[in-house]
Amino acid sequence: MIISVNPEPTLAEFQALMKKTDRLLNEDARRRRSYYATRGGNPLEDDVKAMLDESAKGTAFAGTIEKVSGQKFPDIVAAKYYGVEVKSTKDDHWTSTGSSILETTRVSGVERIYMTFGKLGGDPIEFLSKPYEECLYGIAVTHMPRYLIDMRLNPGETIFDKMGVPYDELRRMDNPIAPVAKYYRSQLKPGERLWWTGDSSDETVSATIRLWKNLTADEKRKHTIYGLVNYPEVFGGDYDRYALWLTSQGVVDPHIRDQFSAGGQEEMLLSSGEKVKFPGVYRRVKNNMDYFIHLMSLKDSTLVEVHDRLDKDAFRRRMLAWCDVVSSKSTMDYDVSMDALKTMFKRWINLYTENVRGGMVSRNRSVVCEHCGKTYHQTLSKQLEGHRFSEDDICPYCGKSNGSSLEWEFENRK
């Protein structure tokens, strides 16, 4: 990081300029309180520039004060090296929301910035200027992460002190959000998460918000199965962590319970051959086995775009561990739930174990029946070497065959 250390005019001269500007603004505010009470935004920037011009007379800053404002940061530039960002509040306090931490509109060449803050509420109206980085105590997220301003901060209380990252270092980073997110993650309490960033540095989040009802059927399916895999407490009716994650994906569902329970009970097969009624949440796994197995087979099931898969032993361990957690949280008896889940997964675990040797688990596709014309979902699983037999591709709607294979096993569903 390289910053010019011998600017002309000097930093001491700029500090003197800001101190005089504060004095002139406060004197004028005492004389014209009603005038300043109506200012703010762009008009207040004009007032600050006027006082900077006055203060610059007879100094090296004379004739160098330029208001840029608009979409630029900071609002005012002095001698092409120094800057003044103008903020205010209509209330009787010294706090407000500041500018974006990204500083993508920062004026080129400006290295040292002061904050000039107008407290336009209360009596008296007051102005105070301080080095920009010395009045930023935290970060809030609107449409982007923004600094929080407190002009009365004590030394050591800035957000940069808390993070252990100097302001000048942070603003020059390619991704300044990463250390900010890391800090705020470290402050989370149990059950909390950052809605505006993922749980890890690799996880992305949505910048927009949508209602659940406006998602496509495939989006709904993938979100729900992700919840089943990563938040097994939903089997016991606890949707809190899943709801927080869903919000981070830009989705709000006011009826989140229905994602898992709608449709009533589901009949599950036990190892004894007996069929038992289970809560509807079990059906979500049963009817979406292809995507469920896909997520469970990933080394990191939270990163659905990274297809780095588990080996057969790790996959088996994860499946059994998941069954254990689900059964311990389910409203069903633990042993009954474990029996039903292991019975349902037995074939899939065996298929994964066999096919992972060949570098693939399964292939999913949609098929149009050549007899009835309806589209059905199909999972192709490679048959085990030495144990192959002719497998028919039977349409689940009309029951007619769409061919056969000695290489693939078909699992077809409506």
Protein backbone atom coordinates (compact mmCIF):
# COMPACT_ATOMS: atom_id res chain seq x y z
CA MET A 1 0.00 0.00 0.00
CA ILE A 2 1.54 3.29 -1.12
CA ILE A 3 0.20 6.66 0.02
CA SER A 4 1.87 9.96 -0.72
CA VAL A 5 3.40 11.20 2.54
CA ASN A 6 4.52 14.66 1.45
CA PRO A 7 1.50 16.26 -0.20
CA GLU A 8 1.29 19.94 -0.93
CA PRO A 9 -0.46 21.51 0.91
CA THR A 10 0.46 19.47 3.98
CA LEU A 11 -1.89 17.46 6.17
CA ALA A 12 -1.36 19.96 8.98
CA GLU A 13 -2.54 22.75 6.66
CA PHE A 14 -5.63 20.75 5.73
CA GLN A 15 -6.40 20.11 9.40
CA ALA A 16 -6.17 23.85 10.04
CA LEU A 17 -8.50 24.48 7.09
CA MET A 18 -11.11 22.10 8.50
CA LYS A 19 -10.85 23.56 11.99
CA LYS A 20 -11.47 27.07 10.66
CA THR A 21 -14.37 25.83 8.51
CA ASP A 22 -16.03 24.30 11.57
CA ARG A 23 -15.68 27.59 13.44
CA LEU A 24 -17.22 29.60 10.59
CA LEU A 25 -20.11 27.13 10.15
CA ASN A 26 -20.93 27.12 13.87
CA GLU A 27 -20.78 30.92 14.09
CA ASP A 28 -23.09 31.24 11.10
CA ALA A 29 -25.47 28.58 12.49
CA ARG A 30 -25.85 30.56 15.71
CA ARG A 31 -26.79 33.64 13.70
CA ARG A 32 -29.05 31.85 11.21
CA ARG A 33 -30.49 28.85 13.00
CA SER A 34 -33.74 28.76 10.99
CA TYR A 35 -31.72 28.79 7.75
CA TYR A 36 -29.60 25.76 8.62
CA ALA A 37 -32.57 23.88 10.12
CA THR A 38 -33.95 23.55 6.57
CA ARG A 39 -30.67 22.52 4.93
CA GLY A 40 -29.26 19.05 4.31
CA GLY A 41 -28.13 17.01 1.32
CA ASN A 42 -26.99 18.97 -1.71
CA PRO A 43 -27.84 22.46 -0.28
CA LEU A 44 -25.73 21.79 2.81
CA GLU A 45 -22.83 20.72 0.59
CA ASP A 46 -23.05 24.20 -1.00
CA ASP A 47 -22.92 25.79 2.46
CA VAL A 48 -19.87 23.75 3.46
CA LYS A 49 -18.07 24.56 0.20
CA ALA A 50 -18.76 28.27 0.71
CA MET A 51 -17.17 28.14 4.16
CA LEU A 52 -14.23 26.12 2.84
CA ASP A 53 -13.66 28.80 0.17
CA GLU A 54 -13.76 31.46 2.86
CA SER A 55 -11.37 29.53 5.09
CA ALA A 56 -8.99 28.87 2.16
CA LYS A 57 -8.39 32.55 1.44
CA GLY A 58 -4.72 33.37 1.85
CA THR A 59 -3.74 29.68 2.07
CA ALA A 60 -2.38 27.12 -0.35
CA PHE A 61 -5.96 25.84 -0.74
CA ALA A 62 -7.27 29.07 -2.26
CA GLY A 63 -8.89 28.36 -5.61
CA THR A 64 -8.60 24.57 -5.28
CA ILE A 65 -11.92 23.78 -3.58
CA GLU A 66 -14.23 21.87 -5.93
CA LYS A 67 -17.69 20.42 -5.25
CA VAL A 68 -18.13 17.13 -7.09
CA SER A 69 -20.94 15.45 -5.06
CA GLY A 70 -23.59 13.73 -7.18
CA GLN A 71 -22.44 10.14 -7.62
CA LYS A 72 -18.88 10.83 -6.48
CA PHE A 73 -17.12 10.28 -3.17
CA PRO A 74 -16.24 12.51 -1.38
CA ASP A 75 -18.57 15.47 -2.00
CA ILE A 76 -15.85 18.12 -2.04
CA VAL A 77 -12.21 17.94 -3.18
CA ALA A 78 -9.41 20.27 -2.08
CA ALA A 79 -6.06 20.54 -3.90
CA LYS A 80 -6.89 17.28 -5.71
CA TYR A 81 -5.56 15.28 -2.72
CA TYR A 82 -7.90 16.05 0.18
CA GLY A 83 -11.62 15.50 0.41
CA VAL A 84 -14.64 16.44 2.51
CA GLU A 85 -17.69 14.19 2.82
CA VAL A 86 -20.76 16.08 4.06
CA LYS A 87 -23.38 14.31 6.19
CA SER A 88 -26.16 15.60 8.43
CA THR A 89 -29.19 14.68 10.49
CA LYS A 90 -32.37 16.58 11.31
CA ASP A 91 -32.29 15.08 14.80
CA ASP A 92 -30.42 16.14 17.93
CA HIS A 93 -27.61 13.55 17.80
CA TRP A 94 -24.31 12.87 16.08
CA THR A 95 -25.09 9.60 14.34
CA SER A 96 -26.22 8.68 10.84
CA THR A 97 -25.72 6.21 7.98
CA GLY A 98 -22.71 6.91 5.80
CA SER A 99 -21.38 5.91 2.42
CA SER A 100 -20.73 2.51 0.85
CA ILE A 101 -17.73 0.55 2.12
CA LEU A 102 -16.92 -0.31 -1.51
CA GLU A 103 -16.03 3.29 -2.44
CA THR A 104 -16.35 2.47 -6.12
CA THR A 105 -17.04 6.15 -6.91
CA ARG A 106 -14.05 7.53 -4.99
CA VAL A 107 -12.44 10.45 -6.79
CA SER A 108 -9.06 9.42 -8.19
CA GLY A 109 -6.09 10.94 -6.37
CA VAL A 110 -7.94 11.82 -3.16
CA GLU A 111 -6.09 10.19 -0.26
CA ARG A 112 -7.14 12.06 2.89
CA ILE A 113 -10.80 12.67 3.69
CA TYR A 114 -12.58 14.49 6.49
CA MET A 115 -16.20 14.07 7.50
CA THR A 116 -18.09 17.32 8.06
CA PHE A 117 -21.27 16.53 9.98
CA GLY A 118 -24.18 18.87 10.56
CA LYS A 119 -26.37 18.24 13.62
CA LEU A 120 -29.37 20.21 12.38
CA GLY A 121 -31.78 19.26 15.16
CA GLY A 122 -31.83 20.58 18.71
CA ASP A 123 -30.45 23.86 19.92
CA PRO A 124 -27.81 24.84 19.09
CA ILE A 125 -27.32 23.56 15.56
CA GLU A 126 -23.69 22.41 15.40
CA PHE A 127 -21.05 21.29 12.92
CA LEU A 128 -18.07 19.02 13.54
CA SER A 129 -15.33 17.74 11.22
CA LYS A 130 -13.04 14.76 11.87
CA PRO A 131 -10.89 12.39 9.82
CA TYR A 132 -13.31 10.14 7.94
CA GLU A 133 -12.05 6.83 9.36
CA GLU A 134 -12.27 8.13 12.96
CA CYS A 135 -16.06 8.50 12.94
CA LEU A 136 -17.16 5.12 11.52
CA TYR A 137 -18.24 2.70 14.24
CA GLY A 138 -20.06 -0.07 12.36
CA ILE A 139 -21.67 -1.25 9.15
CA ALA A 140 -25.31 -1.57 8.13
CA VAL A 141 -26.66 -3.18 4.99
CA THR A 142 -29.33 -1.50 2.87
CA HIS A 143 -28.90 -2.29 -0.82
CA MET A 144 -25.17 -2.43 -0.07
CA PRO A 145 -22.96 -2.42 3.06
CA ARG A 146 -22.65 1.14 4.37
CA TYR A 147 -20.68 2.66 7.21
CA LEU A 148 -22.41 3.88 10.36
CA ILE A 149 -21.34 7.31 11.58
CA ASP A 150 -20.82 8.50 15.15
CA MET A 151 -19.00 11.82 15.42
CA ARG A 152 -18.43 11.32 19.16
CA LEU A 153 -16.40 8.12 18.93
CA ASN A 154 -13.48 7.72 21.29
CA PRO A 155 -10.08 6.50 20.05
CA GLY A 156 -10.10 2.72 19.55
CA GLU A 157 -13.85 2.48 18.97
CA THR A 158 -13.98 2.53 15.17
CA ILE A 159 -15.08 -0.42 13.06
CA PHE A 160 -11.49 -0.67 11.83
CA ASP A 161 -10.23 -1.06 15.41
CA LYS A 162 -12.83 -3.78 16.00
CA MET A 163 -11.89 -5.68 12.83
CA GLY A 164 -8.15 -5.16 13.22
CA VAL A 165 -7.95 -3.87 9.63
CA PRO A 166 -6.88 -0.24 8.97
CA TYR A 167 -9.21 1.87 6.83
CA ASP A 168 -6.63 2.52 4.12
CA GLU A 169 -5.96 -1.21 3.86
CA LEU A 170 -9.64 -2.13 3.70
CA ARG A 171 -10.55 0.41 1.03
CA ARG A 172 -7.83 -0.90 -1.27
CA MET A 173 -8.92 -4.54 -1.07
CA ASP A 174 -10.46 -6.25 -4.10
CA ASN A 175 -13.16 -7.63 -1.81
CA PRO A 176 -13.56 -5.41 1.27
CA ILE A 177 -16.79 -7.20 2.21
CA ALA A 178 -14.89 -10.40 3.13
CA PRO A 179 -13.15 -9.11 6.30
CA VAL A 180 -16.31 -7.24 7.29
CA ALA A 181 -18.39 -10.41 7.01
CA LYS A 182 -15.73 -12.37 8.90
CA TYR A 183 -15.88 -9.89 11.78
CA TYR A 184 -19.66 -9.85 11.99
CA ARG A 185 -19.83 -13.65 11.82
CA SER A 186 -17.57 -13.74 14.87
CA GLN A 187 -20.14 -11.62 16.75
CA LEU A 188 -23.14 -13.82 15.95
CA LYS A 189 -25.13 -15.40 18.76
CA PRO A 190 -26.52 -18.96 18.49
CA GLY A 191 -29.31 -19.09 15.93
CA GLU A 192 -28.19 -15.89 14.17
CA ARG A 193 -26.70 -15.49 10.71
CA LEU A 194 -25.83 -12.67 8.34
CA TRP A 195 -28.72 -12.24 5.94
CA TRP A 196 -26.61 -10.23 3.49
CA THR A 197 -23.77 -12.71 3.06
CA GLY A 198 -23.30 -16.46 3.17
CA ASP A 199 -22.21 -18.58 6.11
CA SER A 200 -18.80 -18.96 4.49
CA SER A 201 -16.63 -16.85 2.24
CA ASP A 202 -17.52 -19.14 -0.69
CA GLU A 203 -21.28 -18.89 -0.30
CA THR A 204 -23.12 -16.28 -2.32
CA VAL A 205 -26.41 -14.62 -1.49
CA SER A 206 -29.11 -12.92 -3.49
CA ALA A 207 -29.27 -9.14 -3.86
CA THR A 208 -33.04 -9.24 -4.43
CA ILE A 209 -36.04 -10.39 -2.39
CA ARG A 210 -38.85 -12.59 -3.72
CA LEU A 211 -41.89 -14.23 -2.18
CA TRP A 212 -41.88 -18.03 -2.12
CA LYS A 213 -45.05 -18.17 -4.19
CA ASN A 214 -43.25 -16.43 -7.07
CA LEU A 215 -40.49 -19.06 -7.37
CA THR A 216 -40.51 -21.67 -10.09
CA ALA A 217 -41.39 -25.24 -9.14
CA ASP A 218 -37.76 -26.30 -9.62
CA GLU A 219 -36.48 -23.46 -7.40
CA LYS A 220 -38.94 -24.44 -4.67
CA ARG A 221 -37.88 -28.08 -4.91
CA LYS A 222 -34.18 -27.29 -4.65
CA HIS A 223 -34.59 -24.89 -1.71
CA THR A 224 -36.74 -27.38 0.19
CA ILE A 225 -34.34 -30.30 -0.34
CA TYR A 226 -31.40 -28.08 0.62
CA GLY A 227 -33.26 -27.41 3.88
CA LEU A 228 -33.84 -31.11 4.50
CA VAL A 229 -30.15 -31.90 3.99
CA ASN A 230 -28.61 -29.03 5.94
CA TYR A 231 -31.26 -28.25 8.57
CA PRO A 232 -32.58 -31.64 9.74
CA GLU A 233 -34.40 -30.03 12.67
CA VAL A 234 -37.23 -29.25 10.20
CA PHE A 235 -38.29 -32.89 10.72
CA GLY A 236 -39.23 -31.84 14.25
CA GLY A 237 -41.03 -28.67 13.18
CA ASP A 238 -38.17 -26.23 13.89
CA TYR A 239 -37.78 -23.96 10.84
CA ASP A 240 -35.79 -21.08 12.36
CA ARG A 241 -32.34 -21.77 10.88
CA TYR A 242 -33.79 -22.74 7.51
CA ALA A 243 -35.88 -19.55 7.44
CA LEU A 244 -32.75 -17.45 8.08
CA TRP A 245 -30.88 -19.24 5.29
CA LEU A 246 -33.83 -18.85 2.92
CA THR A 247 -33.83 -15.11 3.59
CA SER A 248 -30.14 -14.97 2.70
CA GLN A 249 -31.10 -16.46 -0.67
CA GLY A 250 -33.48 -13.56 -1.24
CA VAL A 251 -36.64 -15.58 -0.53
CA VAL A 252 -39.34 -14.90 2.05
CA ASP A 253 -41.97 -17.54 2.83
CA PRO A 254 -44.71 -16.45 5.28
CA HIS A 255 -46.03 -20.04 5.31
CA ILE A 256 -42.73 -21.86 5.62
CA ARG A 257 -44.21 -24.85 7.48
CA ASP A 258 -46.21 -25.80 4.39
CA GLN A 259 -43.01 -26.44 2.44
CA PHE A 260 -42.50 -29.54 4.56
CA SER A 261 -45.88 -30.57 5.93
CA ALA A 262 -48.44 -29.84 3.22
CA GLY A 263 -50.17 -32.91 1.77
CA GLY A 264 -50.74 -34.86 4.94
CA GLN A 265 -49.01 -38.02 6.12
CA GLU A 266 -46.81 -40.32 4.04
CA GLU A 267 -46.76 -44.12 4.14
CA MET A 268 -43.23 -45.47 4.72
CA LEU A 269 -41.99 -49.05 4.43
CA LEU A 270 -40.17 -50.65 7.36
CA SER A 271 -37.59 -53.45 7.08
CA SER A 272 -40.23 -55.90 8.34
CA GLY A 273 -42.47 -55.11 5.38
CA GLU A 274 -44.92 -53.20 7.56
CA LYS A 275 -46.12 -49.80 6.29
CA VAL A 276 -46.40 -46.93 8.78
CA LYS A 277 -47.80 -43.41 8.45
CA PHE A 278 -45.14 -40.69 8.80
CA PRO A 279 -45.31 -36.86 8.76
CA GLY A 280 -45.41 -35.33 5.28
CA VAL A 281 -41.85 -34.01 5.56
CA TYR A 282 -40.55 -37.55 4.91
CA ARG A 283 -42.35 -37.51 1.55
CA ARG A 284 -40.20 -34.55 0.45
CA VAL A 285 -37.14 -36.81 0.57
CA LYS A 286 -38.92 -39.83 -0.87
CA ASN A 287 -40.24 -37.95 -3.91
CA ASN A 288 -37.03 -36.02 -4.60
CA MET A 289 -34.45 -38.71 -4.04
CA ASP A 290 -32.30 -37.76 -7.03
CA TYR A 291 -31.56 -34.21 -5.84
CA PHE A 292 -31.38 -35.29 -2.21
CA ILE A 293 -28.69 -37.88 -3.02
CA HIS A 294 -26.89 -35.31 -5.17
CA LEU A 295 -26.60 -32.89 -2.23
CA MET A 296 -25.72 -35.60 0.28
CA SER A 297 -22.94 -36.86 -1.98
CA LEU A 298 -21.16 -33.48 -2.13
CA LYS A 299 -18.16 -33.01 0.14
CA ASP A 300 -19.69 -29.69 1.19
CA SER A 301 -23.48 -29.94 0.93
CA THR A 302 -23.83 -26.17 1.42
CA LEU A 303 -22.00 -25.41 -1.84
CA VAL A 304 -24.37 -26.80 -4.44
CA GLU A 305 -22.37 -25.49 -7.38
CA VAL A 306 -19.20 -27.34 -6.35
CA HIS A 307 -19.40 -30.97 -7.51
CA ASP A 308 -16.60 -32.47 -5.43
CA ARG A 309 -18.06 -35.79 -4.27
CA LEU A 310 -17.55 -38.01 -1.26
CA ASP A 311 -16.04 -41.45 -1.60
CA LYS A 312 -18.31 -44.43 -0.95
CA ASP A 313 -17.40 -44.88 2.73
CA ALA A 314 -17.76 -41.18 3.56
CA PHE A 315 -21.10 -41.09 1.74
CA ARG A 316 -22.40 -44.07 3.74
CA ARG A 317 -21.26 -42.45 7.01
CA ARG A 318 -22.92 -39.16 6.14
CA MET A 319 -26.20 -40.84 5.23
CA LEU A 320 -26.30 -42.79 8.48
CA ALA A 321 -25.33 -39.71 10.52
CA TRP A 322 -28.08 -37.72 8.81
CA CYS A 323 -30.63 -40.44 9.57
CA ASP A 324 -29.55 -40.41 13.20
CA VAL A 325 -29.93 -36.64 13.56
CA VAL A 326 -33.28 -36.59 11.75
CA SER A 327 -34.65 -39.45 13.84
CA SER A 328 -33.55 -37.78 17.07
CA LYS A 329 -35.41 -34.60 16.11
CA SER A 330 -38.43 -36.17 14.43
CA THR A 331 -41.85 -36.40 16.04
CA MET A 332 -41.74 -40.12 15.21
CA ASP A 333 -40.22 -42.75 17.49
CA TYR A 334 -36.43 -42.78 16.98
CA ASP A 335 -36.14 -46.50 16.16
CA VAL A 336 -39.11 -46.46 13.79
CA SER A 337 -37.74 -43.43 11.96
CA MET A 338 -34.26 -44.95 11.65
CA ASP A 339 -35.74 -48.20 10.32
CA ALA A 340 -37.86 -46.42 7.68
CA LEU A 341 -35.04 -44.14 6.53
CA LYS A 342 -32.45 -46.91 6.29
CA THR A 343 -34.93 -49.09 4.41
CA MET A 344 -35.65 -46.26 1.97
CA PHE A 345 -31.98 -45.40 1.49
CA LYS A 346 -30.59 -48.95 1.34
CA ARG A 347 -30.85 -49.30 -2.42
CA TRP A 348 -29.51 -45.78 -3.04
CA ILE A 349 -26.52 -46.27 -0.75
CA ASN A 350 -25.69 -49.52 -2.53
CA LEU A 351 -26.05 -47.91 -5.95
CA TYR A 352 -23.78 -45.04 -4.92
CA THR A 353 -21.21 -47.46 -3.54
CA GLU A 354 -21.23 -49.44 -6.79
CA ASN A 355 -21.31 -46.56 -9.25
CA VAL A 356 -18.84 -44.26 -7.55
CA ARG A 357 -16.13 -46.70 -8.63
CA GLY A 358 -17.01 -45.88 -12.22
CA GLY A 359 -16.83 -42.15 -11.63
CA MET A 360 -20.57 -41.51 -11.66
CA VAL A 361 -23.55 -41.90 -9.35
CA SER A 362 -26.55 -41.42 -11.61
CA ARG A 363 -27.94 -39.40 -14.47
CA ASN A 364 -31.21 -37.48 -14.25
CA ARG A 365 -33.36 -36.47 -17.19
CA SER A 366 -36.91 -35.88 -18.41
CA VAL A 367 -38.41 -38.36 -20.89
CA VAL A 368 -41.42 -37.99 -23.19
CA CYS A 369 -43.33 -41.27 -23.51
CA GLU A 370 -43.59 -42.31 -27.15
CA HIS A 371 -46.98 -43.93 -26.42
CA CYS A 372 -49.00 -41.48 -24.30
CA GLY A 373 -46.93 -38.33 -24.92
CA LYS A 374 -46.58 -37.46 -21.22
CA THR A 375 -43.28 -36.31 -19.68
CA TYR A 376 -41.87 -38.21 -16.73
CA HIS A 377 -38.76 -37.89 -14.56
CA GLN A 378 -36.11 -40.56 -14.92
CA THR A 379 -32.99 -41.47 -12.96
CA LEU A 380 -30.51 -43.68 -14.84
CA SER A 381 -28.20 -45.74 -12.63
CA LYS A 382 -25.42 -47.84 -14.13
CA GLN A 383 -25.84 -51.58 -13.55
CA LEU A 384 -23.10 -53.40 -11.67
CA GLU A 385 -20.53 -55.25 -13.81
CA GLY A 386 -21.17 -59.00 -13.83
CA HIS A 387 -24.75 -58.63 -12.57
CA ARG A 388 -26.46 -57.05 -15.54
CA PHE A 389 -29.98 -57.83 -16.73
CA SER A 390 -32.40 -56.35 -19.22
CA GLU A 391 -34.15 -53.36 -17.66
CA ASP A 392 -37.34 -51.93 -19.23
CA ASP A 393 -38.00 -48.19 -19.40
CA ILE A 394 -41.65 -48.24 -18.23
CA CYS A 395 -43.76 -45.08 -18.43
CA PRO A 396 -45.29 -44.41 -14.96
CA TYR A 397 -48.42 -42.99 -16.63
CA CYS A 398 -49.47 -45.57 -19.25
CA GLY A 399 -47.33 -48.53 -18.14
CA LYS A 400 -45.87 -49.15 -21.60
CA SER A 401 -42.18 -49.69 -22.37
CA ASN A 402 -40.03 -47.08 -24.09
CA GLY A 403 -37.19 -49.51 -24.66
CA SER A 404 -34.80 -51.56 -22.55
CA SER A 405 -31.13 -51.59 -21.55
CA LEU A 406 -28.48 -54.02 -20.31
CA GLU A 407 -26.33 -51.11 -19.11
CA TRP A 408 -28.76 -48.85 -17.25
CA GLU A 409 -31.34 -49.29 -14.51
CA PHE A 410 -34.39 -47.02 -14.81
CA GLU A 411 -36.23 -45.34 -11.97
CA ASN A 412 -39.21 -43.49 -13.45
CA ARG A 413 -41.70 -41.26 -11.65
CA LYS A 414 -44.47 -38.88 -12.52
